[in-house]
Amino acid sequence: MLAACGNEPETLDLRGRTMGTSYSVRIVAPPGDSPVALEALRQRVAARLEGLDSLFSTYRPDSEVSRFNAQPGVEWFGVSPDFLAVLEQSVSVSQLTGGAFDATVGPLVVLWGFGAGETSERIPDPEEVGRLLQATGSAHLQWRESPPAVRRTRPDVRLDFSAVAKGYAVDRIWELLSEAGLQAYLVEVGGEVRSRGRHADGRDWSIGIENPDGSGVAGAVPLRDAAVATSGDYRNFFEHGGRRYSHVIDPRTGWPVAHNLASVTVVSPTAARADALATALLVLGPVAGMELAEHEEIAALLAVRADEGIEVVRSSAYQAFIGD
């Protein structure tokens, strides 16, 4: 059991690298007489994250997803329960959003030059876009739970869980801390966040939302027993022929999105769900994205580019969550 040495709650920090990004865990240790037992917990957190990276990293040829993608044919491929859980979460959001989110879009992202390494800044051949689009879509996937396994209906289908894996990792560390008996903490992996309880000062955790125009923090989300994720198109893009091409590829068309929605922030019970929904709403755009958020009661904040700057639009569920 973690405990602070004094009579007041103490905030403890665990930090490191995982999934090609950073992670941080802030723990409110209850007051007590025992010294803080951080090292064992640090090792458990690091080991769990390393295990997840070994499943979902597209940079590691020995990862579970890389081995699935590399296998020839369309035979059943045995997977871990974590792999299957992320796949099912991805397909669920894909079905909810009419295909605006899809874990098979990775080859199109690479074709547009937004894979590993630098942006290529070139427009691919439309015929090649069309060819890869034929292998895009959750309908090409089948799975079973006992024993857990996945197969594809055509051999050129590839999986990439980059838009949900970090959120899923947050949820698994959140559960690990809960199982350790902790009551108040904040878990963050690559900007995806989930909280439990309150900060050491008794207030809700406060999560800043970056302004897409680079002018700092646009606002803050008070977070208690919830998760938040933000997706944006403003960090990774190139311009060609007077048009802006972002790394956000619409799985339904194979082309980068062309609307004026700059970023989406979603609050949800789990970080994996928030992560996937933020990406899906960003693909859908300001009109269709907000329509879905209202219909499904998704707590979403949309930052839209307008002539006078960034316009912030909040769904009813988001407005109710922040209480303003």
C-alpha atoms as a PDB file:
ATOM      1  CA  MET A   1       0.000   0.000   0.000  1.00  0.00           C
ATOM      2  CA  LEU A   2       1.313   3.407  -0.925  1.00  0.00           C
ATOM      3  CA  ALA A   3       1.357   5.929   1.887  1.00  0.00           C
ATOM      4  CA  ALA A   4       2.846   9.340   2.495  1.00  0.00           C
ATOM      5  CA  CYS A   5       5.085   9.899   5.474  1.00  0.00           C
ATOM      6  CA  GLY A   6       3.320  13.004   6.776  1.00  0.00           C
ATOM      7  CA  ASN A   7      -0.215  13.768   7.886  1.00  0.00           C
ATOM      8  CA  GLU A   8      -1.352  15.308   4.600  1.00  0.00           C
ATOM      9  CA  PRO A   9      -1.882  13.695   1.181  1.00  0.00           C
ATOM     10  CA  GLU A  10       1.183  13.836  -1.050  1.00  0.00           C
ATOM     11  CA  THR A  11       1.310  13.814  -4.855  1.00  0.00           C
ATOM     12  CA  LEU A  12       3.809  11.332  -6.263  1.00  0.00           C
ATOM     13  CA  ASP A  13       4.985  11.184  -9.880  1.00  0.00           C
ATOM     14  CA  LEU A  14       5.995   8.313 -12.123  1.00  0.00           C
ATOM     15  CA  ARG A  15       7.306   9.190 -15.581  1.00  0.00           C
ATOM     16  CA  GLY A  16       8.860   7.422 -18.544  1.00  0.00           C
ATOM     17  CA  ARG A  17       8.666   6.589 -22.238  1.00  0.00           C
ATOM     18  CA  THR A  18       6.332   4.185 -24.008  1.00  0.00           C
ATOM     19  CA  MET A  19       4.700   3.706 -27.428  1.00  0.00           C
ATOM     20  CA  GLY A  20       7.043   6.276 -28.967  1.00  0.00           C
ATOM     21  CA  THR A  21       5.867   8.964 -26.562  1.00  0.00           C
ATOM     22  CA  SER A  22       5.943   9.868 -22.870  1.00  0.00           C
ATOM     23  CA  TYR A  23       3.757   8.793 -19.983  1.00  0.00           C
ATOM     24  CA  SER A  24       3.119  10.214 -16.542  1.00  0.00           C
ATOM     25  CA  VAL A  25       1.268   8.940 -13.498  1.00  0.00           C
ATOM     26  CA  ARG A  26       0.357  11.274 -10.646  1.00  0.00           C
ATOM     27  CA  ILE A  27      -0.722   9.535  -7.451  1.00  0.00           C
ATOM     28  CA  VAL A  28      -2.284  11.072  -4.367  1.00  0.00           C
ATOM     29  CA  ALA A  29      -0.842   8.952  -1.577  1.00  0.00           C
ATOM     30  CA  PRO A  30      -2.998   8.809   1.574  1.00  0.00           C
ATOM     31  CA  PRO A  31      -1.392  10.066   4.785  1.00  0.00           C
ATOM     32  CA  GLY A  32       0.218   7.432   6.992  1.00  0.00           C
ATOM     33  CA  ASP A  33       3.333   6.339   8.819  1.00  0.00           C
ATOM     34  CA  SER A  34       4.765   3.980   6.189  1.00  0.00           C
ATOM     35  CA  PRO A  35       7.318   5.204   3.639  1.00  0.00           C
ATOM     36  CA  VAL A  36       6.115   5.579   0.086  1.00  0.00           C
ATOM     37  CA  ALA A  37       6.554   2.253  -1.758  1.00  0.00           C
ATOM     38  CA  LEU A  38       7.075   3.705  -5.203  1.00  0.00           C
ATOM     39  CA  GLU A  39       9.674   1.428  -6.782  1.00  0.00           C
ATOM     40  CA  ALA A  40       7.561  -1.720  -6.927  1.00  0.00           C
ATOM     41  CA  LEU A  41       4.662   0.220  -8.426  1.00  0.00           C
ATOM     42  CA  ARG A  42       6.979   1.932 -10.904  1.00  0.00           C
ATOM     43  CA  GLN A  43       8.199  -1.449 -12.100  1.00  0.00           C
ATOM     44  CA  ARG A  44       4.652  -2.798 -12.461  1.00  0.00           C
ATOM     45  CA  VAL A  45       3.563   0.246 -14.486  1.00  0.00           C
ATOM     46  CA  ALA A  46       6.638   0.071 -16.734  1.00  0.00           C
ATOM     47  CA  ALA A  47       6.213  -3.669 -17.286  1.00  0.00           C
ATOM     48  CA  ARG A  48       2.530  -3.312 -18.198  1.00  0.00           C
ATOM     49  CA  LEU A  49       3.282  -0.547 -20.676  1.00  0.00           C
ATOM     50  CA  GLU A  50       6.139  -2.508 -22.208  1.00  0.00           C
ATOM     51  CA  GLY A  51       3.805  -5.464 -22.625  1.00  0.00           C
ATOM     52  CA  LEU A  52       1.239  -3.320 -24.423  1.00  0.00           C
ATOM     53  CA  ASP A  53       3.893  -1.777 -26.653  1.00  0.00           C
ATOM     54  CA  SER A  54       4.966  -5.283 -27.643  1.00  0.00           C
ATOM     55  CA  LEU A  55       1.401  -5.849 -28.879  1.00  0.00           C
ATOM     56  CA  PHE A  56       0.558  -2.618 -30.680  1.00  0.00           C
ATOM     57  CA  SER A  57       3.781  -1.002 -31.919  1.00  0.00           C
ATOM     58  CA  THR A  58       3.952  -0.748 -35.706  1.00  0.00           C
ATOM     59  CA  TYR A  59       7.656   0.127 -35.369  1.00  0.00           C
ATOM     60  CA  ARG A  60       8.554  -3.235 -33.838  1.00  0.00           C
ATOM     61  CA  PRO A  61       8.628  -6.130 -36.334  1.00  0.00           C
ATOM     62  CA  ASP A  62       8.119  -8.584 -33.465  1.00  0.00           C
ATOM     63  CA  SER A  63       4.985  -6.883 -32.096  1.00  0.00           C
ATOM     64  CA  GLU A  64       1.719  -8.768 -32.270  1.00  0.00           C
ATOM     65  CA  VAL A  65       0.168  -6.356 -34.755  1.00  0.00           C
ATOM     66  CA  SER A  66       3.290  -6.398 -36.966  1.00  0.00           C
ATOM     67  CA  ARG A  67       3.312 -10.191 -37.019  1.00  0.00           C
ATOM     68  CA  PHE A  68      -0.390 -10.224 -37.896  1.00  0.00           C
ATOM     69  CA  ASN A  69       0.222  -7.799 -40.760  1.00  0.00           C
ATOM     70  CA  ALA A  70       3.211  -9.784 -42.019  1.00  0.00           C
ATOM     71  CA  GLN A  71       1.508 -13.168 -42.133  1.00  0.00           C
ATOM     72  CA  PRO A  72       0.593 -14.411 -45.600  1.00  0.00           C
ATOM     73  CA  GLY A  73      -2.905 -15.489 -46.474  1.00  0.00           C
ATOM     74  CA  VAL A  74      -6.134 -15.180 -44.543  1.00  0.00           C
ATOM     75  CA  GLU A  75      -5.754 -17.867 -41.881  1.00  0.00           C
ATOM     76  CA  TRP A  76      -6.735 -17.426 -38.233  1.00  0.00           C
ATOM     77  CA  PHE A  77      -4.027 -15.676 -36.213  1.00  0.00           C
ATOM     78  CA  GLY A  78      -3.969 -16.225 -32.444  1.00  0.00           C
ATOM     79  CA  VAL A  79      -3.939 -12.959 -30.483  1.00  0.00           C
ATOM     80  CA  SER A  80      -3.855 -11.789 -26.884  1.00  0.00           C
ATOM     81  CA  PRO A  81      -6.984 -10.670 -25.002  1.00  0.00           C
ATOM     82  CA  ASP A  82      -5.649  -7.095 -25.101  1.00  0.00           C
ATOM     83  CA  PHE A  83      -5.316  -7.233 -28.882  1.00  0.00           C
ATOM     84  CA  LEU A  84      -8.856  -8.501 -29.239  1.00  0.00           C
ATOM     85  CA  ALA A  85     -10.213  -5.865 -26.847  1.00  0.00           C
ATOM     86  CA  VAL A  86      -8.629  -3.047 -28.854  1.00  0.00           C
ATOM     87  CA  LEU A  87      -9.904  -4.529 -32.103  1.00  0.00           C
ATOM     88  CA  GLU A  88     -13.450  -4.753 -30.743  1.00  0.00           C
ATOM     89  CA  GLN A  89     -13.269  -1.167 -29.472  1.00  0.00           C
ATOM     90  CA  SER A  90     -12.058  -0.013 -32.881  1.00  0.00           C
ATOM     91  CA  VAL A  91     -14.801  -1.844 -34.757  1.00  0.00           C
ATOM     92  CA  SER A  92     -17.423  -0.519 -32.342  1.00  0.00           C
ATOM     93  CA  VAL A  93     -16.440   3.100 -33.043  1.00  0.00           C
ATOM     94  CA  SER A  94     -16.152   2.367 -36.765  1.00  0.00           C
ATOM     95  CA  GLN A  95     -19.718   1.079 -36.845  1.00  0.00           C
ATOM     96  CA  LEU A  96     -20.986   3.978 -34.734  1.00  0.00           C
ATOM     97  CA  THR A  97     -19.427   6.552 -37.064  1.00  0.00           C
ATOM     98  CA  GLY A  98     -20.200   4.958 -40.420  1.00  0.00           C
ATOM     99  CA  GLY A  99     -16.565   4.098 -41.037  1.00  0.00           C
ATOM    100  CA  ALA A 100     -15.089   7.498 -40.147  1.00  0.00           C
ATOM    101  CA  PHE A 101     -12.789   5.625 -37.761  1.00  0.00           C
ATOM    102  CA  ASP A 102     -11.093   2.426 -38.885  1.00  0.00           C
ATOM    103  CA  ALA A 103      -8.047   0.475 -37.732  1.00  0.00           C
ATOM    104  CA  THR A 104      -7.316  -0.662 -41.296  1.00  0.00           C
ATOM    105  CA  VAL A 105      -6.546   2.851 -42.603  1.00  0.00           C
ATOM    106  CA  GLY A 106      -2.799   2.592 -41.853  1.00  0.00           C
ATOM    107  CA  PRO A 107      -1.605   1.787 -45.401  1.00  0.00           C
ATOM    108  CA  LEU A 108      -3.366   4.900 -46.694  1.00  0.00           C
ATOM    109  CA  VAL A 109      -1.697   7.021 -44.008  1.00  0.00           C
ATOM    110  CA  VAL A 110       1.679   5.676 -45.151  1.00  0.00           C
ATOM    111  CA  LEU A 111       0.820   6.249 -48.825  1.00  0.00           C
ATOM    112  CA  TRP A 112       0.149   9.910 -48.101  1.00  0.00           C
ATOM    113  CA  GLY A 113       3.571  10.177 -46.477  1.00  0.00           C
ATOM    114  CA  PHE A 114       2.440  10.363 -42.859  1.00  0.00           C
ATOM    115  CA  GLY A 115       3.873   7.058 -41.664  1.00  0.00           C
ATOM    116  CA  ALA A 116       7.233   6.556 -39.984  1.00  0.00           C
ATOM    117  CA  GLY A 117       9.761   9.266 -40.781  1.00  0.00           C
ATOM    118  CA  GLU A 118       9.185  12.625 -42.424  1.00  0.00           C
ATOM    119  CA  THR A 119       6.197  13.797 -44.436  1.00  0.00           C
ATOM    120  CA  SER A 120       6.719  13.126 -48.158  1.00  0.00           C
ATOM    121  CA  GLU A 121       4.729  16.202 -49.261  1.00  0.00           C
ATOM    122  CA  ARG A 122       3.526  14.603 -52.489  1.00  0.00           C
ATOM    123  CA  ILE A 123       0.118  13.699 -53.836  1.00  0.00           C
ATOM    124  CA  PRO A 124      -0.141   9.941 -54.445  1.00  0.00           C
ATOM    125  CA  ASP A 125      -1.554   8.384 -57.592  1.00  0.00           C
ATOM    126  CA  PRO A 126      -5.376   8.273 -57.271  1.00  0.00           C
ATOM    127  CA  GLU A 127      -5.318   4.724 -58.635  1.00  0.00           C
ATOM    128  CA  GLU A 128      -3.059   3.654 -55.771  1.00  0.00           C
ATOM    129  CA  VAL A 129      -5.389   5.385 -53.317  1.00  0.00           C
ATOM    130  CA  GLY A 130      -8.278   3.439 -54.815  1.00  0.00           C
ATOM    131  CA  ARG A 131      -6.407   0.149 -54.609  1.00  0.00           C
ATOM    132  CA  LEU A 132      -5.608   0.586 -50.932  1.00  0.00           C
ATOM    133  CA  LEU A 133      -9.141   1.781 -50.258  1.00  0.00           C
ATOM    134  CA  GLN A 134     -10.418  -1.608 -51.402  1.00  0.00           C
ATOM    135  CA  ALA A 135      -8.493  -3.192 -48.499  1.00  0.00           C
ATOM    136  CA  THR A 136      -9.770  -0.634 -45.962  1.00  0.00           C
ATOM    137  CA  GLY A 137     -12.724  -1.280 -43.684  1.00  0.00           C
ATOM    138  CA  SER A 138     -13.705  -3.328 -40.640  1.00  0.00           C
ATOM    139  CA  ALA A 139     -15.867  -5.545 -42.851  1.00  0.00           C
ATOM    140  CA  HIS A 140     -12.630  -7.249 -43.929  1.00  0.00           C
ATOM    141  CA  LEU A 141     -12.011  -8.529 -40.371  1.00  0.00           C
ATOM    142  CA  GLN A 142     -13.330 -11.508 -38.451  1.00  0.00           C
ATOM    143  CA  TRP A 143     -12.530 -12.554 -34.890  1.00  0.00           C
ATOM    144  CA  ARG A 144     -13.372 -15.029 -32.177  1.00  0.00           C
ATOM    145  CA  GLU A 145     -12.989 -14.909 -28.408  1.00  0.00           C
ATOM    146  CA  SER A 146     -12.202 -18.524 -27.487  1.00  0.00           C
ATOM    147  CA  PRO A 147      -9.409 -18.969 -28.204  1.00  0.00           C
ATOM    148  CA  PRO A 148      -8.857 -15.310 -29.159  1.00  0.00           C
ATOM    149  CA  ALA A 149      -7.952 -15.032 -32.818  1.00  0.00           C
ATOM    150  CA  VAL A 150      -8.363 -12.684 -35.777  1.00  0.00           C
ATOM    151  CA  ARG A 151      -8.370 -13.184 -39.513  1.00  0.00           C
ATOM    152  CA  ARG A 152      -8.910 -11.017 -42.580  1.00  0.00           C
ATOM    153  CA  THR A 153     -10.938 -11.722 -45.672  1.00  0.00           C
ATOM    154  CA  ARG A 154      -8.178 -10.509 -48.018  1.00  0.00           C
ATOM    155  CA  PRO A 155      -4.394 -10.755 -47.493  1.00  0.00           C
ATOM    156  CA  ASP A 156      -3.619  -7.071 -48.136  1.00  0.00           C
ATOM    157  CA  VAL A 157      -5.596  -5.825 -45.104  1.00  0.00           C
ATOM    158  CA  ARG A 158      -3.358  -4.274 -42.434  1.00  0.00           C
ATOM    159  CA  LEU A 159      -4.111  -3.214 -38.855  1.00  0.00           C
ATOM    160  CA  ASP A 160      -2.831  -0.096 -37.104  1.00  0.00           C
ATOM    161  CA  PHE A 161      -4.141   0.738 -33.634  1.00  0.00           C
ATOM    162  CA  SER A 162      -2.269   4.042 -33.282  1.00  0.00           C
ATOM    163  CA  ALA A 163      -5.500   6.016 -32.819  1.00  0.00           C
ATOM    164  CA  VAL A 164      -6.681   3.958 -29.852  1.00  0.00           C
ATOM    165  CA  ALA A 165      -3.691   2.113 -28.325  1.00  0.00           C
ATOM    166  CA  LYS A 166      -2.490   4.981 -26.129  1.00  0.00           C
ATOM    167  CA  GLY A 167      -5.959   5.457 -24.702  1.00  0.00           C
ATOM    168  CA  TYR A 168      -6.201   1.719 -24.071  1.00  0.00           C
ATOM    169  CA  ALA A 169      -2.843   1.820 -22.267  1.00  0.00           C
ATOM    170  CA  VAL A 170      -4.156   4.604 -20.033  1.00  0.00           C
ATOM    171  CA  ASP A 171      -7.132   2.443 -19.087  1.00  0.00           C
ATOM    172  CA  ARG A 172      -4.970  -0.561 -18.250  1.00  0.00           C
ATOM    173  CA  ILE A 173      -2.678   1.495 -15.992  1.00  0.00           C
ATOM    174  CA  TRP A 174      -5.759   3.079 -14.414  1.00  0.00           C
ATOM    175  CA  GLU A 175      -7.000  -0.422 -13.566  1.00  0.00           C
ATOM    176  CA  LEU A 176      -3.583  -1.480 -12.270  1.00  0.00           C
ATOM    177  CA  LEU A 177      -3.568   1.416  -9.795  1.00  0.00           C
ATOM    178  CA  SER A 178      -7.122   0.617  -8.730  1.00  0.00           C
ATOM    179  CA  GLU A 179      -6.154  -2.995  -8.070  1.00  0.00           C
ATOM    180  CA  ALA A 180      -3.254  -1.684  -5.966  1.00  0.00           C
ATOM    181  CA  GLY A 181      -5.812  -0.037  -3.673  1.00  0.00           C
ATOM    182  CA  LEU A 182      -5.224   3.564  -4.727  1.00  0.00           C
ATOM    183  CA  GLN A 183      -8.133   5.987  -4.678  1.00  0.00           C
ATOM    184  CA  ALA A 184      -6.861   9.155  -6.383  1.00  0.00           C
ATOM    185  CA  TYR A 185      -4.574   9.405  -9.411  1.00  0.00           C
ATOM    186  CA  LEU A 186      -4.151  10.749 -12.935  1.00  0.00           C
ATOM    187  CA  VAL A 187      -2.771   8.616 -15.786  1.00  0.00           C
ATOM    188  CA  GLU A 188      -1.519  10.145 -19.043  1.00  0.00           C
ATOM    189  CA  VAL A 189       0.024   8.503 -22.105  1.00  0.00           C
ATOM    190  CA  GLY A 190       0.850  10.672 -25.100  1.00  0.00           C
ATOM    191  CA  GLY A 191      -1.737  13.271 -24.100  1.00  0.00           C
ATOM    192  CA  GLU A 192      -4.608  10.846 -23.445  1.00  0.00           C
ATOM    193  CA  VAL A 193      -5.735  11.130 -19.819  1.00  0.00           C
ATOM    194  CA  ARG A 194      -7.922   9.352 -17.276  1.00  0.00           C
ATOM    195  CA  SER A 195      -8.453  10.290 -13.644  1.00  0.00           C
ATOM    196  CA  ARG A 196      -9.774   8.822 -10.445  1.00  0.00           C
ATOM    197  CA  GLY A 197     -10.732  10.774  -7.345  1.00  0.00           C
ATOM    198  CA  ARG A 198      -9.413  14.243  -6.702  1.00  0.00           C
ATOM    199  CA  HIS A 199      -6.136  16.115  -6.555  1.00  0.00           C
ATOM    200  CA  ALA A 200      -4.269  16.319  -3.241  1.00  0.00           C
ATOM    201  CA  ASP A 201      -5.717  19.810  -2.647  1.00  0.00           C
ATOM    202  CA  GLY A 202      -9.274  18.417  -2.812  1.00  0.00           C
ATOM    203  CA  ARG A 203     -10.117  19.883  -6.199  1.00  0.00           C
ATOM    204  CA  ASP A 204     -10.906  18.000  -9.389  1.00  0.00           C
ATOM    205  CA  TRP A 205      -7.980  17.342 -11.686  1.00  0.00           C
ATOM    206  CA  SER A 206      -7.711  20.068 -14.353  1.00  0.00           C
ATOM    207  CA  ILE A 207      -6.665  19.116 -17.890  1.00  0.00           C
ATOM    208  CA  GLY A 208      -5.596  21.850 -20.291  1.00  0.00           C
ATOM    209  CA  ILE A 209      -6.786  21.890 -23.910  1.00  0.00           C
ATOM    210  CA  GLU A 210      -4.258  23.200 -26.416  1.00  0.00           C
ATOM    211  CA  ASN A 211      -5.375  25.926 -28.792  1.00  0.00           C
ATOM    212  CA  PRO A 212      -4.941  24.721 -32.401  1.00  0.00           C
ATOM    213  CA  ASP A 213      -3.504  28.086 -33.448  1.00  0.00           C
ATOM    214  CA  GLY A 214      -0.533  27.595 -31.124  1.00  0.00           C
ATOM    215  CA  SER A 215      -1.477  30.421 -28.779  1.00  0.00           C
ATOM    216  CA  GLY A 216      -1.309  28.283 -25.656  1.00  0.00           C
ATOM    217  CA  VAL A 217      -4.062  26.659 -23.635  1.00  0.00           C
ATOM    218  CA  ALA A 218      -7.584  27.335 -24.874  1.00  0.00           C
ATOM    219  CA  GLY A 219      -9.285  26.096 -21.733  1.00  0.00           C
ATOM    220  CA  ALA A 220      -9.353  23.381 -19.120  1.00  0.00           C
ATOM    221  CA  VAL A 221     -11.518  20.354 -18.404  1.00  0.00           C
ATOM    222  CA  PRO A 222     -12.306  19.568 -14.748  1.00  0.00           C
ATOM    223  CA  LEU A 223     -11.841  15.815 -14.601  1.00  0.00           C
ATOM    224  CA  ARG A 224     -12.923  13.361 -11.915  1.00  0.00           C
ATOM    225  CA  ASP A 225     -13.483   9.659 -12.605  1.00  0.00           C
ATOM    226  CA  ALA A 226     -13.440  10.263 -16.364  1.00  0.00           C
ATOM    227  CA  ALA A 227     -11.112  10.331 -19.375  1.00  0.00           C
ATOM    228  CA  VAL A 228     -10.294  12.968 -21.973  1.00  0.00           C
ATOM    229  CA  ALA A 229      -8.575  12.808 -25.364  1.00  0.00           C
ATOM    230  CA  THR A 230      -7.867  15.359 -28.078  1.00  0.00           C
ATOM    231  CA  SER A 231      -7.221  14.787 -31.792  1.00  0.00           C
ATOM    232  CA  GLY A 232      -6.040  17.571 -34.096  1.00  0.00           C
ATOM    233  CA  ASP A 233      -4.796  18.160 -37.624  1.00  0.00           C
ATOM    234  CA  TYR A 234      -2.505  21.093 -36.886  1.00  0.00           C
ATOM    235  CA  ARG A 235       0.801  19.369 -36.107  1.00  0.00           C
ATOM    236  CA  ASN A 236       1.299  17.056 -39.072  1.00  0.00           C
ATOM    237  CA  PHE A 237       0.437  18.367 -42.539  1.00  0.00           C
ATOM    238  CA  PHE A 238       1.882  19.698 -45.788  1.00  0.00           C
ATOM    239  CA  GLU A 239       0.761  22.191 -48.410  1.00  0.00           C
ATOM    240  CA  HIS A 240       0.687  21.493 -52.129  1.00  0.00           C
ATOM    241  CA  GLY A 241      -0.803  23.562 -54.931  1.00  0.00           C
ATOM    242  CA  GLY A 242      -2.307  26.017 -52.456  1.00  0.00           C
ATOM    243  CA  ARG A 243      -4.142  23.270 -50.545  1.00  0.00           C
ATOM    244  CA  ARG A 244      -3.475  21.965 -47.066  1.00  0.00           C
ATOM    245  CA  TYR A 245      -3.183  18.179 -46.639  1.00  0.00           C
ATOM    246  CA  SER A 246      -3.308  16.878 -43.066  1.00  0.00           C
ATOM    247  CA  HIS A 247      -2.352  13.468 -41.673  1.00  0.00           C
ATOM    248  CA  VAL A 248      -6.027  12.836 -40.839  1.00  0.00           C
ATOM    249  CA  ILE A 249      -7.113  10.402 -43.553  1.00  0.00           C
ATOM    250  CA  ASP A 250     -10.785   9.649 -44.087  1.00  0.00           C
ATOM    251  CA  PRO A 251     -11.050   5.821 -44.260  1.00  0.00           C
ATOM    252  CA  ARG A 252     -14.163   6.185 -46.414  1.00  0.00           C
ATOM    253  CA  THR A 253     -12.444   8.116 -49.226  1.00  0.00           C
ATOM    254  CA  GLY A 254      -8.718   7.472 -48.774  1.00  0.00           C
ATOM    255  CA  TRP A 255      -8.009  11.226 -48.850  1.00  0.00           C
ATOM    256  CA  PRO A 256      -7.056  13.704 -46.120  1.00  0.00           C
ATOM    257  CA  VAL A 257     -10.008  15.533 -44.626  1.00  0.00           C
ATOM    258  CA  ALA A 258     -10.679  18.906 -46.269  1.00  0.00           C
ATOM    259  CA  HIS A 259     -12.971  20.669 -43.786  1.00  0.00           C
ATOM    260  CA  ASN A 260     -12.147  23.414 -41.277  1.00  0.00           C
ATOM    261  CA  LEU A 261     -12.329  21.388 -38.050  1.00  0.00           C
ATOM    262  CA  ALA A 262      -8.927  21.795 -36.379  1.00  0.00           C
ATOM    263  CA  SER A 263      -9.287  19.641 -33.261  1.00  0.00           C
ATOM    264  CA  VAL A 264     -11.741  17.623 -31.216  1.00  0.00           C
ATOM    265  CA  THR A 265     -11.690  16.960 -27.481  1.00  0.00           C
ATOM    266  CA  VAL A 266     -13.863  14.158 -26.099  1.00  0.00           C
ATOM    267  CA  VAL A 267     -14.671  13.297 -22.491  1.00  0.00           C
ATOM    268  CA  SER A 268     -15.704   9.689 -21.912  1.00  0.00           C
ATOM    269  CA  PRO A 269     -15.709   7.062 -19.134  1.00  0.00           C
ATOM    270  CA  THR A 270     -12.650   5.350 -20.690  1.00  0.00           C
ATOM    271  CA  ALA A 271      -9.596   6.736 -22.440  1.00  0.00           C
ATOM    272  CA  ALA A 272      -9.739   4.201 -25.282  1.00  0.00           C
ATOM    273  CA  ARG A 273     -13.259   5.308 -26.151  1.00  0.00           C
ATOM    274  CA  ALA A 274     -12.356   9.000 -25.872  1.00  0.00           C
ATOM    275  CA  ASP A 275      -9.265   8.442 -28.035  1.00  0.00           C
ATOM    276  CA  ALA A 276     -11.144   6.703 -30.845  1.00  0.00           C
ATOM    277  CA  LEU A 277     -14.146   9.049 -30.764  1.00  0.00           C
ATOM    278  CA  ALA A 278     -11.966  12.164 -30.926  1.00  0.00           C
ATOM    279  CA  THR A 279     -10.356  10.851 -34.116  1.00  0.00           C
ATOM    280  CA  ALA A 280     -13.702   9.825 -35.606  1.00  0.00           C
ATOM    281  CA  LEU A 281     -15.340  13.206 -34.970  1.00  0.00           C
ATOM    282  CA  LEU A 282     -12.307  14.949 -36.441  1.00  0.00           C
ATOM    283  CA  VAL A 283     -12.751  12.932 -39.628  1.00  0.00           C
ATOM    284  CA  LEU A 284     -16.491  13.643 -39.752  1.00  0.00           C
ATOM    285  CA  GLY A 285     -15.977  17.397 -39.595  1.00  0.00           C
ATOM    286  CA  PRO A 286     -17.735  20.212 -37.733  1.00  0.00           C
ATOM    287  CA  VAL A 287     -21.284  19.571 -38.962  1.00  0.00           C
ATOM    288  CA  ALA A 288     -21.544  15.779 -39.120  1.00  0.00           C
ATOM    289  CA  GLY A 289     -19.268  15.462 -36.080  1.00  0.00           C
ATOM    290  CA  MET A 290     -21.490  17.660 -33.925  1.00  0.00           C
ATOM    291  CA  GLU A 291     -24.623  15.941 -35.210  1.00  0.00           C
ATOM    292  CA  LEU A 292     -23.236  12.573 -34.103  1.00  0.00           C
ATOM    293  CA  ALA A 293     -22.098  13.994 -30.758  1.00  0.00           C
ATOM    294  CA  GLU A 294     -25.588  15.307 -30.065  1.00  0.00           C
ATOM    295  CA  HIS A 295     -27.336  12.134 -31.246  1.00  0.00           C
ATOM    296  CA  GLU A 296     -25.071   9.831 -29.201  1.00  0.00           C
ATOM    297  CA  GLU A 297     -24.719  12.217 -26.238  1.00  0.00           C
ATOM    298  CA  ILE A 298     -20.943  12.422 -26.650  1.00  0.00           C
ATOM    299  CA  ALA A 299     -19.226  15.099 -24.567  1.00  0.00           C
ATOM    300  CA  ALA A 300     -17.238  16.843 -27.309  1.00  0.00           C
ATOM    301  CA  LEU A 301     -15.559  20.201 -27.802  1.00  0.00           C
ATOM    302  CA  LEU A 302     -14.860  21.157 -31.423  1.00  0.00           C
ATOM    303  CA  ALA A 303     -12.302  23.824 -32.355  1.00  0.00           C
ATOM    304  CA  VAL A 304     -13.243  25.139 -35.801  1.00  0.00           C
ATOM    305  CA  ARG A 305     -11.189  27.445 -38.015  1.00  0.00           C
ATOM    306  CA  ALA A 306     -13.131  30.598 -38.876  1.00  0.00           C
ATOM    307  CA  ASP A 307     -12.301  33.907 -40.524  1.00  0.00           C
ATOM    308  CA  GLU A 308     -11.911  35.570 -37.129  1.00  0.00           C
ATOM    309  CA  GLY A 309      -9.834  32.758 -35.619  1.00  0.00           C
ATOM    310  CA  ILE A 310     -10.701  29.572 -33.760  1.00  0.00           C
ATOM    311  CA  GLU A 311     -14.372  29.110 -32.900  1.00  0.00           C
ATOM    312  CA  VAL A 312     -15.131  26.674 -30.065  1.00  0.00           C
ATOM    313  CA  VAL A 313     -18.355  24.640 -30.240  1.00  0.00           C
ATOM    314  CA  ARG A 314     -19.498  22.405 -27.372  1.00  0.00           C
ATOM    315  CA  SER A 315     -21.968  19.543 -27.488  1.00  0.00           C
ATOM    316  CA  SER A 316     -24.819  19.480 -24.975  1.00  0.00           C
ATOM    317  CA  ALA A 317     -23.192  16.572 -23.138  1.00  0.00           C
ATOM    318  CA  TYR A 318     -19.890  18.471 -22.891  1.00  0.00           C
ATOM    319  CA  GLN A 319     -21.660  21.570 -21.595  1.00  0.00           C
ATOM    320  CA  ALA A 320     -23.415  19.474 -18.975  1.00  0.00           C
ATOM    321  CA  PHE A 321     -20.149  17.810 -17.958  1.00  0.00           C
ATOM    322  CA  ILE A 322     -18.252  21.040 -17.294  1.00  0.00           C
ATOM    323  CA  GLY A 323     -21.332  22.531 -15.624  1.00  0.00           C
ATOM    324  CA  ASP A 324     -21.139  26.011 -17.159  1.00  0.00           C
END
